[in-house]
Amino acid sequence: MISGTALASDIHAWTAYNVLIRNKERTKMKSNSIDGEFIRLLSGTHHIATSFNRAGLQKGDTTAWMVDLSCSNFDSDFVEHADKMDFTLLDDRPNLEIFDSTRMGIVSTKNENAAIAHIHLADIR
C-alpha cells in the first residue's frame, strides 16, 4: 500500500514498476525489498526513509493505493483485503488532481512528465 496521493497516472505507476524490474534484474536495487524499491523510485530519492515519508502511508492519510507488484492477484483478492481492513474500494484511477507533487519532493511543474522524470532521478543522485 502506498499513499493515495503518490501516483500521477497509471503510466507513472507502470514506469516505476518497469524501472523496479530493471533494477532487480541488474541487482541494482537500493532497497532490500521490491515494495521498498517501488516506493523509493516513486519518491525520486535514494534515501529509503525519505521515500516512505513521501509515498508511504502517513497519519492523516485518507486514501491509499493497493499495488500488486507480483502482478498475480485477482480483483477478488483486493476486495478481500479491503474488507479485512474495513476499507472502501473506489473506482478512481491515479490522476493529477489527487497527486501531491510537493509531498513527493517534486519542485517543478505538477505534471505526469515531471513525476516520471522524478523516478529516473532516484538512481542518478
Protein backbone atom coordinates (compact mmCIF):
# COMPACT_ATOMS: atom_id res chain seq x y z
CA MET A 1 0.00 0.00 0.00
CA ILE A 2 1.14 3.49 -0.83
CA SER A 3 -0.29 6.92 -0.23
CA GLY A 4 -3.37 7.78 -2.24
CA THR A 5 -1.59 10.94 -3.39
CA ALA A 6 1.61 9.22 -4.61
CA LEU A 7 0.62 8.46 -8.21
CA ALA A 8 0.16 11.00 -11.00
CA SER A 9 -1.18 8.44 -13.51
CA ASP A 10 -1.24 4.78 -14.47
CA ILE A 11 1.76 5.45 -16.73
CA HIS A 12 3.61 6.92 -13.76
CA ALA A 13 3.00 3.70 -11.80
CA TRP A 14 3.99 1.46 -14.72
CA THR A 15 7.19 3.45 -15.26
CA ALA A 16 8.18 2.96 -11.63
CA TYR A 17 7.36 -0.75 -11.94
CA ASN A 18 9.46 -1.13 -15.11
CA VAL A 19 12.45 0.61 -13.53
CA LEU A 20 11.96 -1.59 -10.44
CA ILE A 21 12.12 -4.76 -12.56
CA ARG A 22 15.17 -3.47 -14.44
CA ASN A 23 16.96 -2.64 -11.16
CA LYS A 24 16.08 -6.06 -9.76
CA GLU A 25 17.37 -7.90 -12.86
CA ARG A 26 20.60 -5.89 -12.78
CA THR A 27 20.95 -6.33 -8.99
CA LYS A 28 20.96 -2.52 -8.65
CA MET A 29 18.12 -2.18 -6.14
CA LYS A 30 18.95 0.14 -3.26
CA SER A 31 16.15 -1.24 -1.08
CA ASN A 32 16.11 -4.76 0.34
CA SER A 33 12.56 -5.40 -0.89
CA ILE A 34 10.65 -4.80 -4.11
CA ASP A 35 7.97 -2.78 -2.33
CA GLY A 36 10.60 -0.55 -0.73
CA GLU A 37 12.29 -0.11 -4.11
CA PHE A 38 8.98 0.81 -5.75
CA ILE A 39 8.30 3.46 -3.11
CA ARG A 40 11.89 4.73 -3.38
CA LEU A 41 11.59 5.12 -7.15
CA LEU A 42 8.25 6.93 -6.93
CA SER A 43 9.81 9.28 -4.40
CA GLY A 44 12.78 10.10 -6.60
CA THR A 45 15.35 9.51 -3.89
CA HIS A 46 18.00 7.01 -2.86
CA HIS A 47 17.09 7.51 0.82
CA ILE A 48 14.70 4.77 1.91
CA ALA A 49 13.42 6.66 4.97
CA THR A 50 12.66 9.75 2.89
CA SER A 51 10.81 7.63 0.35
CA PHE A 52 8.48 6.19 2.98
CA ASN A 53 7.75 9.70 4.26
CA ARG A 54 6.86 10.78 0.72
CA ALA A 55 4.98 7.80 -0.75
CA GLY A 56 4.19 5.63 2.27
CA LEU A 57 1.04 5.87 4.34
CA GLN A 58 1.19 8.62 6.93
CA LYS A 59 -1.02 9.57 9.85
CA GLY A 60 -3.90 11.62 8.47
CA ASP A 61 -3.94 9.99 5.01
CA THR A 62 -7.49 9.17 3.96
CA THR A 63 -6.74 7.27 0.74
CA ALA A 64 -4.25 4.64 -0.37
CA TRP A 65 -3.41 2.56 -3.42
CA MET A 66 -3.11 -1.20 -3.13
CA VAL A 67 -0.37 -2.09 -5.61
CA ASP A 68 0.21 -5.68 -6.70
CA LEU A 69 3.90 -5.79 -7.62
CA SER A 70 3.70 -9.54 -8.22
CA CYS A 71 1.05 -9.00 -10.94
CA SER A 72 -0.59 -12.22 -9.80
CA ASN A 73 -3.65 -11.19 -7.79
CA PHE A 74 -7.26 -11.05 -8.86
CA ASP A 75 -9.82 -8.32 -8.18
CA SER A 76 -11.37 -10.58 -5.55
CA ASP A 77 -8.06 -10.55 -3.63
CA PHE A 78 -8.20 -6.76 -3.38
CA VAL A 79 -11.81 -6.90 -2.22
CA GLU A 80 -10.89 -9.47 0.43
CA HIS A 81 -8.02 -7.34 1.75
CA ALA A 82 -10.13 -4.18 1.74
CA ASP A 83 -12.88 -5.97 3.66
CA LYS A 84 -10.39 -7.22 6.28
CA MET A 85 -9.10 -3.68 6.80
CA ASP A 86 -12.57 -2.12 6.68
CA PHE A 87 -11.64 -0.02 3.63
CA THR A 88 -13.96 1.15 0.91
CA LEU A 89 -12.79 0.38 -2.62
CA LEU A 90 -13.22 3.21 -5.10
CA ASP A 91 -13.23 3.17 -8.89
CA ASP A 92 -10.77 6.09 -9.02
CA ARG A 93 -7.61 5.93 -11.10
CA PRO A 94 -4.38 7.83 -10.43
CA ASN A 95 -4.59 11.37 -11.77
CA LEU A 96 -3.04 14.81 -11.36
CA GLU A 97 -5.95 16.17 -9.32
CA ILE A 98 -5.15 13.86 -6.42
CA PHE A 99 -1.37 13.67 -6.97
CA ASP A 100 0.61 15.59 -4.34
CA SER A 101 3.79 16.57 -6.16
CA THR A 102 5.05 18.65 -3.23
CA ARG A 103 4.84 15.72 -0.81
CA MET A 104 6.66 13.56 -3.39
CA GLY A 105 9.52 16.06 -3.47
CA ILE A 106 8.88 17.42 -6.96
CA VAL A 107 9.72 21.12 -7.10
CA SER A 108 8.91 21.71 -10.77
CA THR A 109 5.58 21.84 -12.57
CA LYS A 110 2.92 19.37 -11.41
CA ASN A 111 2.51 17.09 -14.43
CA GLU A 112 2.93 13.48 -15.48
CA ASN A 113 6.26 14.10 -17.20
CA ALA A 114 7.74 15.64 -14.04
CA ALA A 115 6.52 12.66 -12.00
CA ILE A 116 8.09 10.19 -14.45
CA ALA A 117 11.36 12.15 -14.59
CA HIS A 118 11.39 12.10 -10.78
CA ILE A 119 11.54 8.28 -10.90
CA HIS A 120 14.66 8.36 -13.04
CA LEU A 121 16.33 10.88 -10.72
CA ALA A 122 16.20 8.30 -7.92
CA ASP A 123 19.13 6.42 -9.44
CA ILE A 124 21.10 9.43 -10.67
CA ARG A 125 21.59 11.23 -7.37
